[in-house]
N, C-alpha and C. Protein backbone atom coordinates (compact mmCIF):
# COMPACT_ATOMS: atom_id res chain seq x y z
N MET A 1 18.97 -20.50 43.62
CA MET A 1 18.50 -20.95 42.34
C MET A 1 17.43 -19.98 41.85
N ASN A 2 17.52 -19.57 40.59
CA ASN A 2 16.58 -18.62 40.02
C ASN A 2 15.72 -19.33 38.96
N ILE A 3 14.62 -19.89 39.39
CA ILE A 3 13.71 -20.57 38.47
C ILE A 3 12.71 -19.54 37.96
N GLN A 4 12.66 -19.37 36.64
CA GLN A 4 11.75 -18.38 36.05
C GLN A 4 10.49 -19.01 35.50
N SER A 5 10.59 -20.23 34.98
CA SER A 5 9.41 -20.91 34.47
C SER A 5 9.57 -22.42 34.60
N ILE A 6 8.42 -23.08 34.69
CA ILE A 6 8.38 -24.53 34.83
C ILE A 6 7.37 -25.04 33.81
N LEU A 7 7.73 -26.10 33.11
CA LEU A 7 6.81 -26.76 32.19
C LEU A 7 6.35 -28.05 32.83
N ALA A 8 5.03 -28.17 33.05
CA ALA A 8 4.43 -29.40 33.57
C ALA A 8 3.63 -30.03 32.44
N VAL A 9 3.86 -31.30 32.22
CA VAL A 9 3.14 -32.04 31.18
C VAL A 9 2.21 -33.03 31.86
N THR A 10 0.95 -33.05 31.44
CA THR A 10 -0.04 -33.92 32.05
C THR A 10 -0.90 -34.61 31.00
N ASP A 11 -1.35 -35.80 31.34
CA ASP A 11 -2.31 -36.49 30.49
C ASP A 11 -3.72 -36.36 31.08
N LEU A 12 -3.85 -35.50 32.08
CA LEU A 12 -5.10 -35.19 32.79
C LEU A 12 -5.60 -36.36 33.65
N SER A 13 -4.74 -37.36 33.87
CA SER A 13 -5.08 -38.44 34.79
C SER A 13 -4.82 -37.95 36.22
N ALA A 14 -5.22 -38.74 37.20
CA ALA A 14 -4.97 -38.37 38.59
C ALA A 14 -3.48 -38.19 38.85
N HIS A 15 -2.67 -39.09 38.34
CA HIS A 15 -1.21 -38.99 38.51
C HIS A 15 -0.67 -37.74 37.80
N GLY A 16 -1.14 -37.50 36.60
CA GLY A 16 -0.71 -36.32 35.85
C GLY A 16 -1.09 -35.02 36.54
N LEU A 17 -2.26 -35.00 37.17
CA LEU A 17 -2.69 -33.80 37.87
C LEU A 17 -1.89 -33.59 39.16
N ARG A 18 -1.47 -34.68 39.81
CA ARG A 18 -0.59 -34.53 40.98
C ARG A 18 0.74 -33.90 40.56
N THR A 19 1.20 -34.26 39.37
CA THR A 19 2.43 -33.67 38.85
C THR A 19 2.26 -32.17 38.66
N VAL A 20 1.12 -31.76 38.14
CA VAL A 20 0.84 -30.34 37.94
C VAL A 20 0.79 -29.61 39.28
N VAL A 21 0.17 -30.21 40.28
CA VAL A 21 0.08 -29.59 41.60
C VAL A 21 1.47 -29.42 42.20
N ARG A 22 2.32 -30.42 42.04
CA ARG A 22 3.70 -30.32 42.56
C ARG A 22 4.46 -29.22 41.84
N ALA A 23 4.33 -29.16 40.53
CA ALA A 23 4.99 -28.10 39.76
C ALA A 23 4.46 -26.73 40.18
N ALA A 24 3.16 -26.63 40.44
CA ALA A 24 2.57 -25.36 40.87
C ALA A 24 3.12 -24.93 42.23
N SER A 25 3.29 -25.88 43.13
CA SER A 25 3.83 -25.52 44.45
C SER A 25 5.27 -25.03 44.34
N ILE A 26 6.04 -25.63 43.46
CA ILE A 26 7.42 -25.17 43.24
C ILE A 26 7.41 -23.79 42.59
N ALA A 27 6.51 -23.59 41.62
CA ALA A 27 6.40 -22.28 40.96
C ALA A 27 6.02 -21.20 41.97
N ALA A 28 5.11 -21.53 42.88
CA ALA A 28 4.70 -20.55 43.89
C ALA A 28 5.86 -20.15 44.79
N VAL A 29 6.65 -21.11 45.20
CA VAL A 29 7.80 -20.83 46.07
C VAL A 29 8.80 -19.91 45.38
N HIS A 30 9.00 -20.11 44.09
CA HIS A 30 10.01 -19.36 43.34
C HIS A 30 9.46 -18.16 42.58
N GLY A 31 8.15 -17.93 42.65
CA GLY A 31 7.55 -16.83 41.90
C GLY A 31 7.71 -17.04 40.40
N ALA A 32 7.64 -18.28 39.96
CA ALA A 32 7.88 -18.63 38.56
C ALA A 32 6.58 -18.78 37.79
N LEU A 33 6.68 -18.62 36.49
CA LEU A 33 5.58 -18.89 35.57
C LEU A 33 5.44 -20.40 35.44
N LEU A 34 4.21 -20.89 35.49
CA LEU A 34 3.96 -22.31 35.27
C LEU A 34 3.30 -22.48 33.91
N LYS A 35 3.91 -23.28 33.06
CA LYS A 35 3.35 -23.61 31.76
C LYS A 35 2.85 -25.04 31.85
N ILE A 36 1.61 -25.26 31.43
CA ILE A 36 1.03 -26.59 31.51
C ILE A 36 0.67 -27.05 30.11
N MET A 37 1.09 -28.27 29.79
CA MET A 37 0.87 -28.83 28.46
C MET A 37 0.22 -30.20 28.58
N TYR A 38 -0.69 -30.48 27.69
CA TYR A 38 -1.32 -31.80 27.63
C TYR A 38 -0.53 -32.71 26.70
N ALA A 39 -0.39 -33.97 27.11
CA ALA A 39 0.17 -35.02 26.25
C ALA A 39 -0.55 -36.31 26.58
N PRO A 40 -0.96 -37.06 25.57
CA PRO A 40 -1.61 -38.35 25.85
C PRO A 40 -0.68 -39.25 26.67
N ALA A 41 -1.27 -40.17 27.41
CA ALA A 41 -0.49 -41.09 28.23
C ALA A 41 0.58 -41.76 27.39
N ALA A 42 1.79 -41.78 27.90
CA ALA A 42 2.97 -42.37 27.24
C ALA A 42 3.23 -41.73 25.88
N PHE A 43 2.71 -40.53 25.67
CA PHE A 43 2.89 -39.79 24.41
C PHE A 43 2.46 -40.62 23.20
N ALA A 44 1.46 -41.47 23.41
CA ALA A 44 1.01 -42.35 22.33
C ALA A 44 -0.42 -42.00 21.95
N GLY A 45 -0.67 -41.99 20.69
CA GLY A 45 -2.02 -41.77 20.21
C GLY A 45 -2.41 -40.31 20.14
N PRO A 46 -3.58 -40.05 19.60
CA PRO A 46 -4.05 -38.67 19.45
C PRO A 46 -4.54 -38.10 20.78
N ALA A 47 -4.70 -36.79 20.82
CA ALA A 47 -5.20 -36.11 22.02
C ALA A 47 -6.66 -36.49 22.26
N GLU A 48 -7.04 -36.50 23.50
CA GLU A 48 -8.44 -36.71 23.86
C GLU A 48 -9.26 -35.56 23.30
N PRO A 49 -10.49 -35.81 22.88
CA PRO A 49 -11.31 -34.75 22.28
C PRO A 49 -11.53 -33.55 23.20
N ASP A 50 -11.64 -33.78 24.50
CA ASP A 50 -11.89 -32.69 25.45
C ASP A 50 -10.62 -32.18 26.12
N ALA A 51 -9.46 -32.53 25.59
CA ALA A 51 -8.19 -32.19 26.24
C ALA A 51 -8.01 -30.68 26.38
N ALA A 52 -8.31 -29.92 25.35
CA ALA A 52 -8.10 -28.46 25.41
C ALA A 52 -8.97 -27.84 26.49
N ARG A 53 -10.23 -28.25 26.58
CA ARG A 53 -11.12 -27.70 27.60
C ARG A 53 -10.67 -28.13 29.00
N GLY A 54 -10.30 -29.40 29.13
CA GLY A 54 -9.84 -29.89 30.42
C GLY A 54 -8.57 -29.22 30.89
N LEU A 55 -7.66 -28.99 29.95
CA LEU A 55 -6.41 -28.31 30.28
C LEU A 55 -6.66 -26.88 30.71
N GLY A 56 -7.58 -26.21 30.02
CA GLY A 56 -7.93 -24.83 30.40
C GLY A 56 -8.48 -24.76 31.81
N ALA A 57 -9.33 -25.72 32.16
CA ALA A 57 -9.89 -25.76 33.51
C ALA A 57 -8.81 -26.00 34.56
N VAL A 58 -7.87 -26.88 34.25
CA VAL A 58 -6.76 -27.15 35.17
C VAL A 58 -5.93 -25.88 35.38
N CYS A 59 -5.65 -25.17 34.30
CA CYS A 59 -4.86 -23.93 34.39
C CYS A 59 -5.54 -22.91 35.30
N LEU A 60 -6.84 -22.71 35.11
CA LEU A 60 -7.57 -21.75 35.95
C LEU A 60 -7.57 -22.17 37.41
N GLU A 61 -7.81 -23.43 37.67
CA GLU A 61 -7.86 -23.92 39.04
C GLU A 61 -6.51 -23.76 39.74
N VAL A 62 -5.44 -24.12 39.05
CA VAL A 62 -4.10 -24.03 39.63
C VAL A 62 -3.72 -22.57 39.88
N ALA A 63 -4.03 -21.69 38.93
CA ALA A 63 -3.72 -20.27 39.10
C ALA A 63 -4.41 -19.70 40.33
N GLU A 64 -5.68 -20.04 40.50
CA GLU A 64 -6.43 -19.53 41.66
C GLU A 64 -5.94 -20.16 42.96
N ARG A 65 -5.70 -21.45 42.94
CA ARG A 65 -5.31 -22.15 44.17
C ARG A 65 -3.94 -21.71 44.69
N PHE A 66 -2.99 -21.50 43.77
CA PHE A 66 -1.63 -21.19 44.19
C PHE A 66 -1.27 -19.71 44.02
N GLY A 67 -2.14 -18.92 43.41
CA GLY A 67 -1.87 -17.50 43.22
C GLY A 67 -0.67 -17.25 42.32
N ILE A 68 -0.56 -18.04 41.26
CA ILE A 68 0.58 -17.92 40.35
C ILE A 68 0.09 -17.65 38.93
N LEU A 69 1.01 -17.21 38.09
CA LEU A 69 0.72 -17.02 36.69
C LEU A 69 0.87 -18.35 35.98
N VAL A 70 -0.17 -18.76 35.24
CA VAL A 70 -0.17 -20.04 34.55
C VAL A 70 -0.46 -19.80 33.08
N LYS A 71 0.31 -20.45 32.24
CA LYS A 71 0.11 -20.36 30.79
C LYS A 71 -0.20 -21.75 30.26
N LYS A 72 -1.27 -21.83 29.48
CA LYS A 72 -1.61 -23.10 28.84
C LYS A 72 -0.82 -23.20 27.55
N VAL A 73 -0.07 -24.28 27.38
CA VAL A 73 0.63 -24.52 26.13
C VAL A 73 -0.40 -25.13 25.19
N ASP A 74 -0.71 -24.41 24.12
CA ASP A 74 -1.84 -24.78 23.26
C ASP A 74 -1.59 -25.95 22.33
N ASP A 75 -0.41 -26.49 22.29
CA ASP A 75 -0.15 -27.62 21.43
C ASP A 75 -0.70 -28.87 22.09
N THR A 76 -1.99 -29.16 21.87
CA THR A 76 -2.62 -30.30 22.53
C THR A 76 -2.46 -31.58 21.73
N ARG A 77 -1.60 -31.57 20.74
CA ARG A 77 -1.33 -32.80 20.00
C ARG A 77 -0.42 -33.73 20.79
N GLY A 78 0.12 -33.24 21.91
CA GLY A 78 0.95 -34.08 22.75
C GLY A 78 2.38 -34.18 22.30
N ARG A 79 2.87 -33.17 21.58
CA ARG A 79 4.25 -33.20 21.09
C ARG A 79 5.09 -32.23 21.90
N LEU A 80 6.23 -32.69 22.36
CA LEU A 80 7.11 -31.85 23.15
C LEU A 80 8.06 -31.01 22.30
N ASP A 81 8.19 -31.29 21.02
CA ASP A 81 9.17 -30.58 20.22
C ASP A 81 8.77 -29.13 19.96
N ALA A 82 7.49 -28.78 19.92
CA ALA A 82 7.08 -27.40 19.65
C ALA A 82 7.54 -26.44 20.76
N PRO A 83 7.25 -26.71 22.05
CA PRO A 83 7.74 -25.79 23.08
C PRO A 83 9.26 -25.74 23.15
N ARG A 84 9.91 -26.86 22.91
CA ARG A 84 11.37 -26.89 22.98
C ARG A 84 11.96 -25.99 21.90
N ARG A 85 11.40 -26.02 20.71
CA ARG A 85 11.91 -25.16 19.63
C ARG A 85 11.71 -23.71 19.96
N ARG A 86 10.56 -23.36 20.53
CA ARG A 86 10.29 -21.95 20.86
C ARG A 86 11.26 -21.43 21.90
N HIS A 87 11.72 -22.31 22.78
CA HIS A 87 12.57 -21.88 23.89
C HIS A 87 14.00 -22.38 23.75
N ALA A 88 14.41 -22.67 22.55
CA ALA A 88 15.78 -23.15 22.36
C ALA A 88 16.76 -22.13 22.90
N GLY A 89 17.68 -22.60 23.67
CA GLY A 89 18.68 -21.72 24.25
C GLY A 89 18.27 -21.11 25.57
N ALA A 90 17.01 -21.28 25.97
CA ALA A 90 16.56 -20.74 27.25
C ALA A 90 17.14 -21.56 28.39
N THR A 91 17.37 -20.92 29.51
CA THR A 91 17.94 -21.62 30.65
C THR A 91 16.89 -21.95 31.70
N SER A 92 15.62 -21.75 31.41
CA SER A 92 14.60 -21.97 32.41
C SER A 92 14.11 -23.39 32.44
N TRP A 93 14.69 -24.30 31.66
CA TRP A 93 14.28 -25.70 31.69
C TRP A 93 14.90 -26.33 32.86
């Protein structure tokens, strides 16, 4: 299997951060790019005021801990349609 990139979505809760760690471990095994995106819990409501800063900190920590390339998906409004449109037709999902 040739995994090139992984998108992990988190609400920055403990459960959401465990999801990011699992995605990071898979990315490390496959030498894949990890993209991390914030979304409010259950994709409901507006983004938390500190979401962008918190997401940036998570990206740095994960990159250092796993030695992988991490990209922060800057759409902190919690919408999944923006990354999907950018990568339409990509096979890395």
